[in-house]
Amino acid sequence: MNSNWYNNRNSQGACKLQICSLSAFQKRREVVFGSDLVSDNVACAVGSEAEKTTVEVEGITFPSEIAAGKPLTLLAHGLTDIEIHFLQIKFNAIGIYLEKNDVLLEHLQKWKGKKADELAEDDGFYQAIVSAPVEKLFRVVVIKEIKGSQYGVQLESSVRDRLVAVDKYEDDEEEALEKVTEFFQSKYFKPNSVISFATEGKDEAKLTVENENVAGMIQKWYLGGTSAVSPTTVRSLADHFAPLLSI
């Protein structure tokens, strides 16, 4: 992600990872991971936003479409949360934007005709979305304030464990993850702060993670199917794609 975390795209969705500093969106603080997957002339900023329709997640508004170089459509939304003694603690609201086009749907033809329940239980489906050669942007809006160091450690731990599980954690991956963790170390995310992960980036990037394995696993942290950090988000993705794949 030069992934906004993240000038080349391949059929497997290989990418670089960038961290960009953006102007505040709707008075929110925004940190962006961007990707140089496609071109070098796309701004890291998430771009103009469609104002006609929006989706609310816990009072947080996500536009149904944004222009980040190309129009990106909101195809999933959800929460990261935990239940403690029957009390639900909500951490972040998430919006998943993808370039909805024939390339994406063709890439997912294996799942044509599948129902939402079937898609939701198929990790291969989510892996295919991660590897799809289309532009993506993940917007994470903070609900419960958190130190950047805490967020960075959570991300690092999850990505490292996933890489170790598939025997892809070597010195290069360790170094790339350390840079990401260091970036978050001095940050503090108050409620309504925004962290954006995207597959387009530009000169605004503060950090570029060129390691494809790390960039891909960061995407899987949010889109990893049954192992994703937000079950509601991946379920929403299945609910959105089922009708698209029924045509």
Protein backbone atom coordinates (compact mmCIF):
# COMPACT_ATOMS: atom_id res chain seq x y z
CA MET A 1 0.00 0.00 0.00
CA ASN A 2 3.23 3.18 -1.74
CA SER A 3 -0.25 0.95 0.23
CA ASN A 4 -1.81 5.42 0.81
CA TRP A 5 -0.31 2.86 2.35
CA TYR A 6 0.89 1.89 -0.85
CA ASN A 7 4.24 2.19 -10.25
CA ASN A 8 3.28 -1.17 -11.05
CA ARG A 9 0.32 -3.47 -10.73
CA ASN A 10 0.39 -7.17 -11.52
CA SER A 11 -2.28 -9.81 -11.84
CA GLN A 12 -1.74 -10.97 -8.27
CA GLY A 13 -2.24 -7.55 -6.71
CA ALA A 14 1.38 -7.11 -5.60
CA CYS A 15 1.94 -3.69 -4.13
CA LYS A 16 4.09 -1.25 -2.29
CA LEU A 17 2.98 0.47 0.89
CA GLN A 18 3.06 4.22 1.63
CA ILE A 19 2.12 6.28 4.62
CA CYS A 20 0.96 9.77 3.66
CA SER A 21 0.02 12.78 5.70
CA LEU A 22 -3.17 14.38 4.42
CA SER A 23 -5.17 17.47 5.09
CA ALA A 24 -7.93 16.83 7.58
CA PHE A 25 -11.13 15.48 6.05
CA GLN A 26 -14.23 16.95 7.62
CA LYS A 27 -12.02 18.28 10.43
CA ARG A 28 -10.70 14.79 11.11
CA ARG A 29 -7.04 13.96 11.44
CA GLU A 30 -6.05 11.75 8.59
CA VAL A 31 -3.09 9.46 8.13
CA VAL A 32 -2.95 7.59 4.87
CA PHE A 33 -1.18 4.47 3.77
CA GLY A 34 -1.07 4.56 -0.04
CA SER A 35 -0.12 2.36 -2.94
CA ASP A 36 1.73 3.04 -6.16
CA LEU A 37 0.06 0.06 -7.80
CA VAL A 38 -1.10 1.87 -10.90
CA SER A 39 0.32 5.27 -11.61
CA ASP A 40 2.54 7.96 -10.22
CA ASN A 41 0.22 10.85 -10.99
CA VAL A 42 -2.55 10.08 -8.53
CA ALA A 43 -2.67 12.20 -5.42
CA CYS A 44 -2.44 10.50 -2.06
CA ALA A 45 -5.42 12.48 -0.88
CA VAL A 46 -8.68 10.61 -0.99
CA GLY A 47 -10.11 13.18 -3.34
CA SER A 48 -13.56 14.66 -3.75
CA GLU A 49 -16.48 12.87 -2.22
CA ALA A 50 -19.93 12.05 -3.50
CA GLU A 51 -22.37 13.98 -1.36
CA LYS A 52 -25.67 12.59 -2.65
CA THR A 53 -25.72 9.36 -0.67
CA THR A 54 -23.95 8.31 2.48
CA VAL A 55 -23.87 5.41 4.92
CA GLU A 56 -23.67 5.90 8.67
CA VAL A 57 -21.78 3.59 10.98
CA GLU A 58 -22.24 4.48 14.64
CA GLY A 59 -22.95 8.08 13.67
CA ILE A 60 -19.91 8.28 11.40
CA THR A 61 -20.69 9.17 7.81
CA PHE A 62 -19.09 7.37 4.88
CA PRO A 63 -19.80 8.77 1.40
CA SER A 64 -21.06 6.14 -1.02
CA GLU A 65 -18.39 7.15 -3.53
CA ILE A 66 -15.08 8.97 -3.43
CA ALA A 67 -12.75 10.08 -6.19
CA ALA A 68 -9.20 9.00 -5.44
CA GLY A 69 -7.84 9.19 -8.95
CA LYS A 70 -10.73 7.00 -10.05
CA PRO A 71 -14.24 6.76 -8.62
CA LEU A 72 -14.24 4.29 -5.74
CA THR A 73 -17.46 2.79 -4.42
CA LEU A 74 -18.24 1.96 -0.80
CA LEU A 75 -18.67 -1.81 -0.94
CA ALA A 76 -18.43 -2.66 2.75
CA HIS A 77 -18.61 -1.07 6.16
CA GLY A 78 -18.42 -2.26 9.72
CA LEU A 79 -16.80 -2.01 13.14
CA THR A 80 -13.95 -3.30 15.19
CA ASP A 81 -15.26 -4.02 18.66
CA ILE A 82 -15.09 -6.37 21.60
CA GLU A 83 -17.62 -7.54 24.18
CA ILE A 84 -16.57 -7.56 27.83
CA HIS A 85 -19.08 -8.71 30.45
CA PHE A 86 -21.93 -8.15 27.99
CA LEU A 87 -20.70 -4.62 27.29
CA GLN A 88 -19.84 -3.85 23.66
CA ILE A 89 -16.77 -1.62 23.34
CA LYS A 90 -16.46 -0.08 19.88
CA PHE A 91 -13.03 0.91 18.62
CA ASN A 92 -13.22 1.89 14.94
CA ALA A 93 -15.70 2.31 12.10
CA ILE A 94 -14.49 1.00 8.75
CA GLY A 95 -15.38 1.80 5.16
CA ILE A 96 -14.02 -0.32 2.29
CA TYR A 97 -13.88 1.40 -1.11
CA LEU A 98 -13.08 -0.42 -4.34
CA GLU A 99 -12.93 0.44 -8.02
CA LYS A 100 -16.11 -1.33 -9.09
CA ASN A 101 -15.62 -2.27 -12.75
CA ASP A 102 -15.63 -5.20 -15.17
CA VAL A 103 -12.05 -6.06 -14.22
CA LEU A 104 -13.06 -6.64 -10.62
CA LEU A 105 -16.14 -8.69 -11.45
CA GLU A 106 -14.22 -10.77 -14.00
CA HIS A 107 -11.58 -11.42 -11.36
CA LEU A 108 -14.32 -12.81 -9.10
CA GLN A 109 -16.14 -14.96 -11.69
CA LYS A 110 -15.31 -18.12 -9.75
CA TRP A 111 -17.88 -16.97 -7.18
CA LYS A 112 -20.59 -16.00 -9.66
CA GLY A 113 -24.02 -17.05 -8.38
CA LYS A 114 -22.86 -17.62 -4.80
CA LYS A 115 -25.07 -16.42 -1.99
CA ALA A 116 -23.86 -14.01 0.66
CA ASP A 117 -23.66 -16.75 3.30
CA GLU A 118 -21.43 -18.82 1.02
CA LEU A 119 -19.16 -15.89 0.24
CA ALA A 120 -18.86 -14.98 3.91
CA GLU A 121 -17.44 -18.41 4.77
CA ASP A 122 -15.05 -18.61 1.80
CA ASP A 123 -11.63 -17.15 2.63
CA GLY A 124 -10.61 -17.68 -0.99
CA PHE A 125 -13.16 -15.07 -2.00
CA TYR A 126 -11.59 -12.46 0.25
CA GLN A 127 -8.10 -13.42 -0.91
CA ALA A 128 -9.27 -12.81 -4.47
CA ILE A 129 -10.46 -9.32 -3.52
CA VAL A 130 -7.08 -8.55 -1.96
CA SER A 131 -5.28 -9.68 -5.13
CA ALA A 132 -7.74 -8.00 -7.52
CA PRO A 133 -5.91 -5.55 -9.83
CA VAL A 134 -8.14 -2.61 -8.95
CA GLU A 135 -7.75 0.46 -6.81
CA LYS A 136 -8.75 0.10 -3.15
CA LEU A 137 -9.07 2.41 -0.18
CA PHE A 138 -9.80 1.47 3.43
CA ARG A 139 -10.98 4.28 5.69
CA VAL A 140 -10.72 3.65 9.42
CA VAL A 141 -12.38 6.22 11.68
CA VAL A 142 -11.52 6.12 15.36
CA ILE A 143 -14.41 5.78 17.81
CA LYS A 144 -12.48 5.05 21.00
CA GLU A 145 -9.30 7.09 21.26
CA ILE A 146 -6.06 5.13 21.12
CA LYS A 147 -2.34 5.79 21.18
CA GLY A 148 -0.68 5.37 17.82
CA SER A 149 1.82 3.06 19.47
CA GLN A 150 -1.00 0.73 20.53
CA TYR A 151 -2.51 0.70 17.06
CA GLY A 152 0.90 0.09 15.51
CA VAL A 153 1.62 -2.84 17.80
CA GLN A 154 -1.77 -4.40 17.03
CA LEU A 155 -1.13 -4.09 13.32
CA GLU A 156 2.44 -5.37 13.58
CA SER A 157 1.46 -8.37 15.68
CA SER A 158 -1.37 -9.42 13.40
CA VAL A 159 0.62 -9.02 10.19
CA ARG A 160 3.66 -10.79 11.64
CA ASP A 161 1.61 -13.75 12.85
CA ARG A 162 -0.06 -14.09 9.45
CA LEU A 163 3.27 -13.99 7.64
CA VAL A 164 4.82 -16.53 10.01
CA ALA A 165 1.86 -18.85 9.46
CA VAL A 166 2.54 -18.96 5.70
CA ASP A 167 6.35 -19.01 6.12
CA LYS A 168 6.87 -15.57 4.59
CA TYR A 169 8.36 -13.71 7.53
CA GLU A 170 12.02 -12.98 6.84
CA ASP A 171 14.40 -10.11 7.59
CA ASP A 172 12.90 -7.91 4.87
CA GLU A 173 9.41 -8.31 6.27
CA GLU A 174 10.61 -7.63 9.79
CA GLU A 175 12.33 -4.43 8.69
CA ALA A 176 9.28 -3.24 6.75
CA LEU A 177 6.98 -3.85 9.71
CA GLU A 178 9.31 -2.05 12.07
CA LYS A 179 9.11 1.06 9.89
CA VAL A 180 5.32 0.99 10.02
CA THR A 181 5.33 0.57 13.80
CA GLU A 182 7.80 3.42 14.22
CA PHE A 183 5.60 5.68 12.13
CA PHE A 184 2.66 5.23 14.49
CA GLN A 185 4.78 5.48 17.64
CA SER A 186 4.38 9.24 18.14
CA LYS A 187 0.77 9.51 16.96
CA TYR A 188 -2.34 9.86 19.10
CA PHE A 189 -5.75 9.16 17.59
CA LYS A 190 -8.64 11.00 19.21
CA PRO A 191 -12.25 10.12 18.34
CA ASN A 192 -13.02 10.91 14.69
CA SER A 193 -9.36 10.65 13.69
CA VAL A 194 -9.04 8.94 10.32
CA ILE A 195 -6.51 6.40 9.09
CA SER A 196 -6.78 5.65 5.38
CA PHE A 197 -5.20 2.70 3.63
CA ALA A 198 -5.15 2.97 -0.17
CA THR A 199 -3.58 1.43 -3.23
CA GLU A 200 -2.54 4.74 -4.75
CA GLY A 201 0.10 7.13 -3.54
CA LYS A 202 2.18 10.14 -4.48
CA ASP A 203 4.75 12.62 -3.18
CA GLU A 204 2.80 13.25 0.03
CA ALA A 205 3.87 9.85 1.36
CA LYS A 206 5.85 9.92 4.59
CA LEU A 207 6.87 6.27 4.43
CA THR A 208 7.03 3.72 1.64
CA VAL A 209 6.90 0.02 2.46
CA GLU A 210 7.95 -1.78 -0.70
CA ASN A 211 7.61 -5.26 0.71
CA GLU A 212 4.76 -6.99 -1.13
CA ASN A 213 4.16 -9.57 1.58
CA VAL A 214 3.68 -6.95 4.27
CA ALA A 215 1.49 -4.76 2.05
CA GLY A 216 -0.72 -7.72 1.17
CA MET A 217 -1.09 -8.87 4.75
CA ILE A 218 -2.10 -5.43 5.92
CA GLN A 219 -4.95 -5.63 3.44
CA LYS A 220 -5.83 -9.06 4.79
CA TRP A 221 -6.00 -7.63 8.29
CA TYR A 222 -9.18 -5.91 7.15
CA LEU A 223 -10.24 -8.23 4.30
CA GLY A 224 -9.03 -11.60 5.56
CA GLY A 225 -12.38 -13.35 5.65
CA THR A 226 -12.96 -15.43 8.77
CA SER A 227 -9.67 -14.19 10.28
CA ALA A 228 -10.23 -10.47 9.61
CA VAL A 229 -10.16 -7.93 12.41
CA SER A 230 -13.77 -6.90 11.72
CA PRO A 231 -16.31 -9.69 11.09
CA THR A 232 -19.04 -7.12 10.40
CA THR A 233 -16.97 -5.56 7.62
CA VAL A 234 -16.25 -8.79 5.78
CA ARG A 235 -19.88 -9.84 6.17
CA SER A 236 -20.91 -6.52 4.66
CA LEU A 237 -18.53 -7.18 1.77
CA ALA A 238 -20.21 -10.53 1.11
CA ASP A 239 -23.66 -8.93 1.28
CA HIS A 240 -22.65 -6.28 -1.27
CA PHE A 241 -20.95 -8.66 -3.69
CA ALA A 242 -23.59 -11.40 -3.77
CA PRO A 243 -26.02 -9.37 -5.92
CA LEU A 244 -23.18 -8.03 -8.08
CA LEU A 245 -22.08 -11.59 -8.84
CA SER A 246 -25.61 -12.79 -9.52
CA ILE A 247 -25.91 -10.75 -12.72
